[in-house]
Amino acid sequence: MTIQQTKLVRTLRCKYPIIQAPIGGVSTIDLTVVTIEAGGFGFIAAAYLTPEQIIVANQEIHTKTDKPFGINLFAPIPAPQIPDTYEDSSGILSQYPYQNAMTRGMRRVAAKQGNNEYLSSWAGQGLSLSQSQSTAELMSQLISEMETSIRRFSPKML
């Protein structure tokens, strides 16, 4: 199976399993289009847009690409009868479980080394590790790193 044959890539109709996060106030139409054209799946961050602004953004993206993209919205009303799994029995919010699980190994190594830089990188403490680059450069780097990882760990995917 190749990257292009994965269910995610087939479903989203993109070239690579790279998804541009729809972050309100940060994401732009140009960011979405560049991501799409580079082979990823782009999103309009529309949670705080008016219906009219969403229509305009949608139309503008359609003038720049014919590829699919997503529109991110919030559902501000809690779903009825679904327990809040992010709160423990004492009412205290637990750590975000997926990020916690995904960074467990990194945090263990960082703790052993006394390196606080990596203990809570998802909460903004890792900002000093960021670098300035264009979306096209970032997509190219992500694609290269993904292909290198696949060659190393799962050569049949390429």
C-alpha atoms as a PDB file:
ATOM      1  CA  MET A   1       0.000   0.000   0.000  1.00  0.00           C
ATOM      2  CA  THR A   2       1.273   3.465  -0.872  1.00  0.00           C
ATOM      3  CA  ILE A   3       0.538   6.763   0.831  1.00  0.00           C
ATOM      4  CA  GLN A   4      -1.910   7.578  -1.961  1.00  0.00           C
ATOM      5  CA  GLN A   5      -3.780   4.310  -1.309  1.00  0.00           C
ATOM      6  CA  THR A   6      -4.547   4.955   2.356  1.00  0.00           C
ATOM      7  CA  LYS A   7      -8.177   5.364   3.335  1.00  0.00           C
ATOM      8  CA  LEU A   8      -7.576   8.891   4.698  1.00  0.00           C
ATOM      9  CA  VAL A   9      -5.968  10.147   1.483  1.00  0.00           C
ATOM     10  CA  ARG A  10      -8.616   8.502  -0.697  1.00  0.00           C
ATOM     11  CA  THR A  11     -11.453   9.894   1.425  1.00  0.00           C
ATOM     12  CA  LEU A  12     -10.088  13.465   1.527  1.00  0.00           C
ATOM     13  CA  ARG A  13      -8.929  13.250  -2.103  1.00  0.00           C
ATOM     14  CA  CYS A  14      -5.543  14.762  -1.313  1.00  0.00           C
ATOM     15  CA  LYS A  15      -2.048  13.541  -2.177  1.00  0.00           C
ATOM     16  CA  TYR A  16      -0.529  13.372   1.309  1.00  0.00           C
ATOM     17  CA  PRO A  17      -1.999  12.715   4.785  1.00  0.00           C
ATOM     18  CA  ILE A  18      -1.114  16.238   5.910  1.00  0.00           C
ATOM     19  CA  ILE A  19      -3.980  18.286   7.325  1.00  0.00           C
ATOM     20  CA  GLN A  20      -3.739  22.045   7.829  1.00  0.00           C
ATOM     21  CA  ALA A  21      -5.271  22.898  11.186  1.00  0.00           C
ATOM     22  CA  PRO A  22      -8.074  25.467  10.967  1.00  0.00           C
ATOM     23  CA  ILE A  23      -6.944  27.953  13.617  1.00  0.00           C
ATOM     24  CA  GLY A  24      -9.133  31.050  13.877  1.00  0.00           C
ATOM     25  CA  GLY A  25      -7.181  34.288  13.601  1.00  0.00           C
ATOM     26  CA  VAL A  26      -4.147  32.496  12.172  1.00  0.00           C
ATOM     27  CA  SER A  27      -5.356  30.469   9.197  1.00  0.00           C
ATOM     28  CA  THR A  28      -5.854  32.373   5.970  1.00  0.00           C
ATOM     29  CA  ILE A  29      -7.353  31.604   2.595  1.00  0.00           C
ATOM     30  CA  ASP A  30      -3.849  31.683   1.080  1.00  0.00           C
ATOM     31  CA  LEU A  31      -2.583  29.206   3.707  1.00  0.00           C
ATOM     32  CA  THR A  32      -5.484  26.904   2.882  1.00  0.00           C
ATOM     33  CA  VAL A  33      -4.890  27.126  -0.874  1.00  0.00           C
ATOM     34  CA  VAL A  34      -1.113  26.619  -0.644  1.00  0.00           C
ATOM     35  CA  THR A  35      -1.659  23.565   1.568  1.00  0.00           C
ATOM     36  CA  ILE A  36      -4.181  22.122  -0.885  1.00  0.00           C
ATOM     37  CA  GLU A  37      -2.014  22.779  -3.930  1.00  0.00           C
ATOM     38  CA  ALA A  38       1.017  21.209  -2.199  1.00  0.00           C
ATOM     39  CA  GLY A  39      -0.977  17.993  -1.748  1.00  0.00           C
ATOM     40  CA  GLY A  40      -2.344  18.363   1.777  1.00  0.00           C
ATOM     41  CA  PHE A  41      -5.892  18.934   2.966  1.00  0.00           C
ATOM     42  CA  GLY A  42      -6.675  22.542   3.862  1.00  0.00           C
ATOM     43  CA  PHE A  43      -9.376  24.036   6.051  1.00  0.00           C
ATOM     44  CA  ILE A  44     -11.122  27.374   6.328  1.00  0.00           C
ATOM     45  CA  ALA A  45     -11.161  28.414   9.984  1.00  0.00           C
ATOM     46  CA  ALA A  46     -14.801  29.525   9.981  1.00  0.00           C
ATOM     47  CA  ALA A  47     -15.851  29.120  13.601  1.00  0.00           C
ATOM     48  CA  TYR A  48     -15.931  32.869  14.205  1.00  0.00           C
ATOM     49  CA  LEU A  49     -16.973  33.968  10.725  1.00  0.00           C
ATOM     50  CA  THR A  50     -20.439  35.151   9.800  1.00  0.00           C
ATOM     51  CA  PRO A  51     -22.380  33.083   7.259  1.00  0.00           C
ATOM     52  CA  GLU A  52     -21.667  35.778   4.660  1.00  0.00           C
ATOM     53  CA  GLN A  53     -17.898  35.648   5.386  1.00  0.00           C
ATOM     54  CA  ILE A  54     -17.948  31.855   5.065  1.00  0.00           C
ATOM     55  CA  ILE A  55     -19.623  32.108   1.655  1.00  0.00           C
ATOM     56  CA  VAL A  56     -17.042  34.666   0.469  1.00  0.00           C
ATOM     57  CA  ALA A  57     -14.102  32.555   1.755  1.00  0.00           C
ATOM     58  CA  ASN A  58     -15.559  29.450   0.121  1.00  0.00           C
ATOM     59  CA  GLN A  59     -15.990  31.243  -3.206  1.00  0.00           C
ATOM     60  CA  GLU A  60     -12.482  32.716  -3.058  1.00  0.00           C
ATOM     61  CA  ILE A  61     -10.900  29.321  -2.460  1.00  0.00           C
ATOM     62  CA  HIS A  62     -12.933  27.854  -5.336  1.00  0.00           C
ATOM     63  CA  THR A  63     -11.491  30.539  -7.638  1.00  0.00           C
ATOM     64  CA  LYS A  64      -7.950  29.453  -6.682  1.00  0.00           C
ATOM     65  CA  THR A  65      -8.263  25.645  -6.670  1.00  0.00           C
ATOM     66  CA  ASP A  66     -10.626  22.935  -7.804  1.00  0.00           C
ATOM     67  CA  LYS A  67      -9.467  20.535  -5.098  1.00  0.00           C
ATOM     68  CA  PRO A  68     -11.553  19.693  -1.999  1.00  0.00           C
ATOM     69  CA  PHE A  69     -11.116  21.453   1.343  1.00  0.00           C
ATOM     70  CA  GLY A  70     -12.853  21.592   4.700  1.00  0.00           C
ATOM     71  CA  ILE A  71     -14.758  24.274   6.559  1.00  0.00           C
ATOM     72  CA  ASN A  72     -14.310  24.140  10.338  1.00  0.00           C
ATOM     73  CA  LEU A  73     -17.234  25.179  12.527  1.00  0.00           C
ATOM     74  CA  PHE A  74     -17.964  24.893  16.249  1.00  0.00           C
ATOM     75  CA  ALA A  75     -21.046  23.270  17.716  1.00  0.00           C
ATOM     76  CA  PRO A  76     -21.282  25.447  20.860  1.00  0.00           C
ATOM     77  CA  ILE A  77     -24.098  23.541  22.522  1.00  0.00           C
ATOM     78  CA  PRO A  78     -22.971  20.435  24.440  1.00  0.00           C
ATOM     79  CA  ALA A  79     -24.405  17.183  23.193  1.00  0.00           C
ATOM     80  CA  PRO A  80     -27.051  15.903  25.631  1.00  0.00           C
ATOM     81  CA  GLN A  81     -26.336  12.856  27.793  1.00  0.00           C
ATOM     82  CA  ILE A  82     -22.684  12.555  26.754  1.00  0.00           C
ATOM     83  CA  PRO A  83     -20.356  12.557  29.751  1.00  0.00           C
ATOM     84  CA  ASP A  84     -17.470  15.006  29.869  1.00  0.00           C
ATOM     85  CA  THR A  85     -14.524  12.629  29.717  1.00  0.00           C
ATOM     86  CA  TYR A  86     -12.049  15.473  30.194  1.00  0.00           C
ATOM     87  CA  GLU A  87     -13.117  15.974  33.803  1.00  0.00           C
ATOM     88  CA  ASP A  88     -12.329  13.546  36.598  1.00  0.00           C
ATOM     89  CA  SER A  89     -14.670  12.725  39.495  1.00  0.00           C
ATOM     90  CA  SER A  90     -13.385  15.708  41.504  1.00  0.00           C
ATOM     91  CA  GLY A  91     -14.377  18.117  38.735  1.00  0.00           C
ATOM     92  CA  ILE A  92     -10.765  18.903  37.831  1.00  0.00           C
ATOM     93  CA  LEU A  93      -9.952  18.962  34.130  1.00  0.00           C
ATOM     94  CA  SER A  94      -7.595  16.161  33.187  1.00  0.00           C
ATOM     95  CA  GLN A  95      -4.689  16.628  30.805  1.00  0.00           C
ATOM     96  CA  TYR A  96      -5.692  16.457  27.188  1.00  0.00           C
ATOM     97  CA  PRO A  97      -5.583  12.669  26.796  1.00  0.00           C
ATOM     98  CA  TYR A  98      -4.421  12.293  23.221  1.00  0.00           C
ATOM     99  CA  GLN A  99      -1.578  14.790  23.440  1.00  0.00           C
ATOM    100  CA  ASN A 100      -0.642  13.338  26.782  1.00  0.00           C
ATOM    101  CA  ALA A 101      -0.492   9.823  25.339  1.00  0.00           C
ATOM    102  CA  MET A 102       1.321  10.890  22.180  1.00  0.00           C
ATOM    103  CA  THR A 103       4.037  12.801  24.038  1.00  0.00           C
ATOM    104  CA  ARG A 104       4.541  10.340  26.899  1.00  0.00           C
ATOM    105  CA  GLY A 105       7.825   8.916  25.557  1.00  0.00           C
ATOM    106  CA  MET A 106       9.238  12.345  24.782  1.00  0.00           C
ATOM    107  CA  ARG A 107       8.310  13.606  28.246  1.00  0.00           C
ATOM    108  CA  ARG A 108       9.919  10.601  29.968  1.00  0.00           C
ATOM    109  CA  VAL A 109      13.219  11.166  28.161  1.00  0.00           C
ATOM    110  CA  ALA A 110      13.039  14.913  28.825  1.00  0.00           C
ATOM    111  CA  ALA A 111      12.375  14.323  32.533  1.00  0.00           C
ATOM    112  CA  LYS A 112      15.354  11.938  32.801  1.00  0.00           C
ATOM    113  CA  GLN A 113      17.555  14.547  31.116  1.00  0.00           C
ATOM    114  CA  GLY A 114      16.149  17.379  33.223  1.00  0.00           C
ATOM    115  CA  ASN A 115      15.082  19.106  30.001  1.00  0.00           C
ATOM    116  CA  ASN A 116      11.956  21.134  30.813  1.00  0.00           C
ATOM    117  CA  GLU A 117      11.726  22.394  27.220  1.00  0.00           C
ATOM    118  CA  TYR A 118       9.934  19.209  26.115  1.00  0.00           C
ATOM    119  CA  LEU A 119       7.802  18.425  29.156  1.00  0.00           C
ATOM    120  CA  SER A 120       4.719  20.339  27.975  1.00  0.00           C
ATOM    121  CA  SER A 121       5.449  21.272  24.383  1.00  0.00           C
ATOM    122  CA  TRP A 122       1.759  21.341  23.418  1.00  0.00           C
ATOM    123  CA  ALA A 123       1.027  24.178  25.864  1.00  0.00           C
ATOM    124  CA  GLY A 124       3.235  26.741  24.139  1.00  0.00           C
ATOM    125  CA  GLN A 125       6.460  26.056  26.003  1.00  0.00           C
ATOM    126  CA  GLY A 126       7.912  24.614  22.786  1.00  0.00           C
ATOM    127  CA  LEU A 127       7.547  27.949  20.986  1.00  0.00           C
ATOM    128  CA  SER A 128      11.293  28.557  21.087  1.00  0.00           C
ATOM    129  CA  LEU A 129      11.668  25.513  18.810  1.00  0.00           C
ATOM    130  CA  SER A 130       9.535  27.054  16.068  1.00  0.00           C
ATOM    131  CA  GLN A 131      10.960  28.599  12.945  1.00  0.00           C
ATOM    132  CA  SER A 132       9.690  31.010  10.327  1.00  0.00           C
ATOM    133  CA  GLN A 133       9.058  29.504   6.910  1.00  0.00           C
ATOM    134  CA  SER A 134       6.506  29.708   4.143  1.00  0.00           C
ATOM    135  CA  THR A 135       3.655  27.235   3.897  1.00  0.00           C
ATOM    136  CA  ALA A 136       5.167  25.816   0.711  1.00  0.00           C
ATOM    137  CA  GLU A 137       8.507  25.272   2.493  1.00  0.00           C
ATOM    138  CA  LEU A 138       6.767  23.658   5.469  1.00  0.00           C
ATOM    139  CA  MET A 139       4.721  21.338   3.238  1.00  0.00           C
ATOM    140  CA  SER A 140       7.857  20.336   1.336  1.00  0.00           C
ATOM    141  CA  GLN A 141       9.667  19.623   4.607  1.00  0.00           C
ATOM    142  CA  LEU A 142       6.724  17.630   6.015  1.00  0.00           C
ATOM    143  CA  ILE A 143       6.445  15.554   2.838  1.00  0.00           C
ATOM    144  CA  SER A 144      10.182  14.854   2.863  1.00  0.00           C
ATOM    145  CA  GLU A 145      10.163  13.874   6.550  1.00  0.00           C
ATOM    146  CA  MET A 146       7.096  11.686   6.042  1.00  0.00           C
ATOM    147  CA  GLU A 147       8.671   9.871   3.088  1.00  0.00           C
ATOM    148  CA  THR A 148      11.947   9.397   5.025  1.00  0.00           C
ATOM    149  CA  SER A 149      10.037   7.930   7.987  1.00  0.00           C
ATOM    150  CA  ILE A 150       8.076   5.605   5.741  1.00  0.00           C
ATOM    151  CA  ARG A 151      11.226   4.420   3.979  1.00  0.00           C
ATOM    152  CA  ARG A 152      12.748   3.705   7.368  1.00  0.00           C
ATOM    153  CA  PHE A 153       9.807   2.068   9.099  1.00  0.00           C
ATOM    154  CA  SER A 154       7.502   0.822   6.336  1.00  0.00           C
ATOM    155  CA  PRO A 155       9.212   0.654   2.937  1.00  0.00           C
ATOM    156  CA  LYS A 156       6.154  -0.979   1.334  1.00  0.00           C
ATOM    157  CA  MET A 157       4.216   2.297   1.692  1.00  0.00           C
ATOM    158  CA  LEU A 158       6.295   4.069  -1.003  1.00  0.00           C
END
